Amino acid sequence: MDSFSTVIRTASHEQHVEAETSTFMSDLLGGRLGVDAYARYTEQLWFVYEALESGADRLASDPVAGPFIQPELYRLAALERDLEHLRGPGWRTGLSALPATRAYADRVRECAERWPAGYIAHHYTRYLGDLSGGQLIRDKAERTWGFARKGDGVRFYVFEGIANPAAFKRGYRALLDAVRADDLEKQRIVAECRRAFALNTAVFRALGEEFPLSA
């Protein structure tokens, strides 16, 4: 029988690919969009991580979600430094969430407040994705827009508190395998993972509409 971490990874594989190969992401990573599109994407991430991390301390003592609350993963401070670099010191005044982003952040917040096991699904899809595929985005951004290596503009993708990402991911998967949930609840977590990817893909779609490449 497959471990729970394997079940989650395989169940959401198709959506993972769909998110990674969205038109917006392909255009962004292909260097076909300007730095403004990258900054707009970074703004959307701020809303999602604000929802993920504003309720995290409260969940630290939760028997189900608690083991996943690891401050070395937190991204909000790094995002804020990136936004200050990208948008200037008054970045907060121009910050706006796309409707798709608002829906995503609202769902994350709802899980954080009412369903800790569901929160794990969002935690997993975001942080493990950032640790893995996020490194490709950082590399492309540095080369395309000339950001300093691992510096302002790409700090979101730099996990300074995690010395060995491969070991960290192994430990994280062990936490998933040990999650305190029965089979039915595990199925609900997997379904929430799929929902998280769908919400993320909707944000990419909305960004693609905002930054269409002139055909």
Protein backbone atom coordinates (compact mmCIF):
# COMPACT_ATOMS: atom_id res chain seq x y z
CA MET A 1 0.00 0.00 0.00
CA ASP A 2 1.32 3.44 -0.93
CA SER A 3 2.30 5.90 1.78
CA PHE A 4 0.07 8.93 2.24
CA SER A 5 2.74 11.30 0.89
CA THR A 6 2.89 9.19 -2.30
CA VAL A 7 -0.90 9.15 -2.59
CA ILE A 8 -1.01 12.95 -2.32
CA ARG A 9 1.76 13.44 -4.84
CA THR A 10 0.26 11.12 -7.46
CA ALA A 11 -3.32 12.31 -6.91
CA SER A 12 -2.42 15.92 -7.65
CA HIS A 13 0.17 15.23 -10.36
CA GLU A 14 -2.00 16.20 -13.33
CA GLN A 15 -3.05 19.48 -11.76
CA HIS A 16 0.52 20.18 -10.75
CA VAL A 17 1.59 19.87 -14.38
CA GLU A 18 -1.36 22.02 -15.48
CA ALA A 19 -0.33 24.78 -13.07
CA GLU A 20 3.32 24.64 -14.07
CA THR A 21 2.54 24.72 -17.78
CA SER A 22 -0.05 27.50 -17.68
CA THR A 23 0.30 30.03 -20.49
CA PHE A 24 1.18 32.82 -18.06
CA MET A 25 3.93 30.80 -16.38
CA SER A 26 5.30 29.62 -19.73
CA ASP A 27 5.38 33.21 -21.02
CA LEU A 28 6.93 34.50 -17.80
CA LEU A 29 9.65 31.84 -17.67
CA GLY A 30 10.21 32.12 -21.40
CA GLY A 31 11.18 35.78 -20.94
CA ARG A 32 8.24 36.92 -23.07
CA LEU A 33 6.72 39.07 -20.32
CA GLY A 34 8.20 42.10 -18.60
CA VAL A 35 9.18 42.54 -15.00
CA ASP A 36 5.78 44.16 -14.34
CA ALA A 37 4.07 40.80 -14.87
CA TYR A 38 6.53 39.19 -12.45
CA ALA A 39 5.80 41.92 -9.88
CA ARG A 40 2.04 41.43 -10.31
CA TYR A 41 2.45 37.69 -9.75
CA THR A 42 4.53 38.40 -6.62
CA GLU A 43 1.71 40.64 -5.33
CA GLN A 44 -0.77 37.78 -5.73
CA LEU A 45 1.52 35.47 -3.78
CA TRP A 46 1.52 37.99 -0.92
CA PHE A 47 -2.25 37.52 -0.41
CA VAL A 48 -1.98 33.73 -0.38
CA TYR A 49 0.93 33.67 2.07
CA GLU A 50 -0.67 36.27 4.29
CA ALA A 51 -3.61 33.86 4.62
CA LEU A 52 -1.30 30.86 5.15
CA GLU A 53 0.90 32.49 7.77
CA SER A 54 -1.38 34.86 9.67
CA GLY A 55 -3.14 31.87 11.25
CA ALA A 56 -0.07 29.65 11.56
CA ASP A 57 0.90 30.48 15.16
CA ARG A 58 -2.58 29.59 16.31
CA LEU A 59 -2.29 26.20 14.61
CA ALA A 60 1.11 25.39 16.13
CA SER A 61 -0.52 23.59 19.06
CA ASP A 62 -3.08 21.75 16.90
CA PRO A 63 -2.54 17.96 17.02
CA VAL A 64 -3.09 17.56 13.26
CA ALA A 65 -1.59 20.70 11.69
CA GLY A 66 0.86 21.57 14.47
CA PRO A 67 3.83 19.46 13.27
CA PHE A 68 3.73 21.26 9.90
CA ILE A 69 4.06 24.76 11.38
CA GLN A 70 7.77 25.38 10.84
CA PRO A 71 8.84 29.04 10.91
CA GLU A 72 11.86 28.40 8.67
CA LEU A 73 9.34 27.97 5.83
CA TYR A 74 7.64 31.34 6.34
CA ARG A 75 7.71 33.48 3.20
CA LEU A 76 5.82 36.68 4.05
CA ALA A 77 8.82 38.76 5.18
CA ALA A 78 10.77 37.71 2.07
CA LEU A 79 7.82 38.57 -0.17
CA GLU A 80 7.58 42.00 1.42
CA ARG A 81 11.26 42.68 0.73
CA ASP A 82 10.77 41.57 -2.86
CA LEU A 83 7.74 43.81 -3.28
CA GLU A 84 9.59 46.79 -1.85
CA HIS A 85 12.32 46.15 -4.41
CA LEU A 86 9.86 45.65 -7.27
CA ARG A 87 7.28 48.33 -6.46
CA GLY A 88 9.09 50.76 -4.19
CA PRO A 89 8.60 51.66 -0.51
CA GLY A 90 4.91 52.46 -1.01
CA TRP A 91 4.14 49.00 -2.41
CA ARG A 92 1.28 48.40 0.03
CA THR A 93 -0.82 51.25 -1.34
CA GLY A 94 -0.99 49.74 -4.82
CA LEU A 95 -1.48 46.14 -3.66
CA SER A 96 -4.61 44.52 -5.09
CA ALA A 97 -5.79 40.93 -5.31
CA LEU A 98 -7.32 39.50 -8.45
CA PRO A 99 -10.74 37.90 -7.78
CA ALA A 100 -9.15 34.48 -8.32
CA THR A 101 -6.47 35.33 -5.76
CA ARG A 102 -9.08 36.51 -3.29
CA ALA A 103 -10.94 33.19 -3.66
CA TYR A 104 -7.70 31.25 -3.11
CA ALA A 105 -6.68 33.24 -0.03
CA ASP A 106 -10.20 33.02 1.42
CA ARG A 107 -10.17 29.24 1.13
CA VAL A 108 -6.75 29.01 2.80
CA ARG A 109 -7.96 31.22 5.64
CA GLU A 110 -11.17 29.21 6.01
CA CYS A 111 -9.18 25.98 6.38
CA ALA A 112 -6.77 27.62 8.84
CA GLU A 113 -9.68 28.70 11.01
CA ARG A 114 -12.02 25.73 10.72
CA TRP A 115 -10.30 22.65 9.33
CA PRO A 116 -6.64 22.10 10.28
CA ALA A 117 -6.34 18.94 8.16
CA GLY A 118 -7.46 20.93 5.12
CA TYR A 119 -4.88 23.59 5.97
CA ILE A 120 -2.18 20.91 5.59
CA ALA A 121 -3.24 20.44 1.94
CA HIS A 122 -2.58 24.12 1.20
CA HIS A 123 0.61 24.11 3.25
CA TYR A 124 1.94 21.14 1.27
CA THR A 125 1.02 22.43 -2.20
CA ARG A 126 2.60 25.83 -1.55
CA TYR A 127 5.75 25.25 0.47
CA LEU A 128 6.90 22.02 -1.11
CA GLY A 129 6.23 23.51 -4.53
CA ASP A 130 8.26 26.61 -3.67
CA LEU A 131 11.15 24.51 -2.41
CA SER A 132 11.15 22.47 -5.62
CA GLY A 133 9.88 24.19 -8.77
CA GLY A 134 10.33 27.62 -7.27
CA GLN A 135 14.07 27.35 -7.78
CA LEU A 136 13.56 27.27 -11.54
CA ILE A 137 11.56 30.51 -11.33
CA ARG A 138 14.29 32.16 -9.25
CA ASP A 139 16.99 31.20 -11.73
CA LYS A 140 14.95 32.47 -14.69
CA ALA A 141 14.05 35.72 -12.91
CA GLU A 142 17.68 36.43 -12.03
CA ARG A 143 18.77 35.91 -15.62
CA THR A 144 15.80 37.66 -17.28
CA TRP A 145 15.53 40.79 -15.12
CA GLY A 146 19.00 40.99 -13.64
CA PHE A 147 18.18 40.51 -9.97
CA ALA A 148 21.16 39.85 -7.72
CA ARG A 149 21.62 36.13 -7.13
CA LYS A 150 19.32 35.16 -4.25
CA GLY A 151 18.86 38.89 -3.60
CA ASP A 152 16.03 41.43 -3.52
CA GLY A 153 13.36 40.52 -6.04
CA VAL A 154 13.79 36.76 -5.63
CA ARG A 155 14.09 36.37 -1.86
CA PHE A 156 10.73 34.59 -1.82
CA TYR A 157 12.45 31.60 -3.45
CA VAL A 158 15.43 31.57 -1.07
CA PHE A 159 14.89 29.42 2.03
CA GLU A 160 17.76 30.61 4.18
CA GLY A 161 16.58 28.57 7.16
CA ILE A 162 16.71 25.29 5.25
CA ALA A 163 20.28 24.15 4.68
CA ASN A 164 19.40 20.86 2.99
CA PRO A 165 16.14 21.03 0.97
CA ALA A 166 16.27 17.35 -0.02
CA ALA A 167 16.51 16.26 3.63
CA PHE A 168 13.81 18.75 4.60
CA LYS A 169 11.44 17.37 1.95
CA ARG A 170 12.08 13.82 3.19
CA GLY A 171 11.19 14.95 6.71
CA TYR A 172 8.10 16.71 5.44
CA ARG A 173 6.91 13.60 3.63
CA ALA A 174 7.42 11.64 6.86
CA LEU A 175 5.14 14.16 8.60
CA LEU A 176 2.50 13.56 5.92
CA ASP A 177 2.81 9.80 6.37
CA ALA A 178 2.33 10.21 10.12
CA VAL A 179 -0.58 12.67 9.89
CA ARG A 180 -3.25 12.07 12.53
CA ALA A 181 -6.23 11.38 10.29
CA ASP A 182 -8.34 8.36 9.39
CA ASP A 183 -8.73 7.14 5.81
CA LEU A 184 -11.81 9.23 5.10
CA GLU A 185 -10.13 12.38 6.38
CA LYS A 186 -7.05 11.56 4.30
CA GLN A 187 -9.25 11.35 1.21
CA ARG A 188 -10.62 14.79 2.07
CA ILE A 189 -7.06 16.15 2.41
CA VAL A 190 -6.19 14.76 -1.02
CA ALA A 191 -9.32 16.37 -2.48
CA GLU A 192 -8.31 19.68 -0.88
CA CYS A 193 -4.87 19.35 -2.50
CA ARG A 194 -6.57 19.09 -5.85
CA ARG A 195 -8.67 22.12 -4.98
CA ALA A 196 -5.53 24.06 -3.99
CA PHE A 197 -3.95 23.37 -7.38
CA ALA A 198 -7.18 24.38 -9.14
CA LEU A 199 -7.29 27.66 -7.19
CA ASN A 200 -3.66 28.32 -8.04
CA THR A 201 -4.25 27.57 -11.74
CA ALA A 202 -7.19 30.02 -11.73
CA VAL A 203 -4.80 32.74 -10.53
CA PHE A 204 -2.44 31.93 -13.41
CA ARG A 205 -5.37 32.09 -15.82
CA ALA A 206 -6.40 35.50 -14.50
CA LEU A 207 -2.82 36.77 -14.76
CA GLY A 208 -2.69 35.46 -18.33
CA GLU A 209 -5.76 37.55 -19.15
CA GLU A 210 -4.16 40.60 -17.55
CA PHE A 211 -0.89 40.09 -19.45
CA PRO A 212 -1.85 38.67 -22.84
CA LEU A 213 0.93 38.42 -25.37
CA SER A 214 -0.08 40.39 -28.42
CA ALA A 215 -0.57 37.73 -31.05
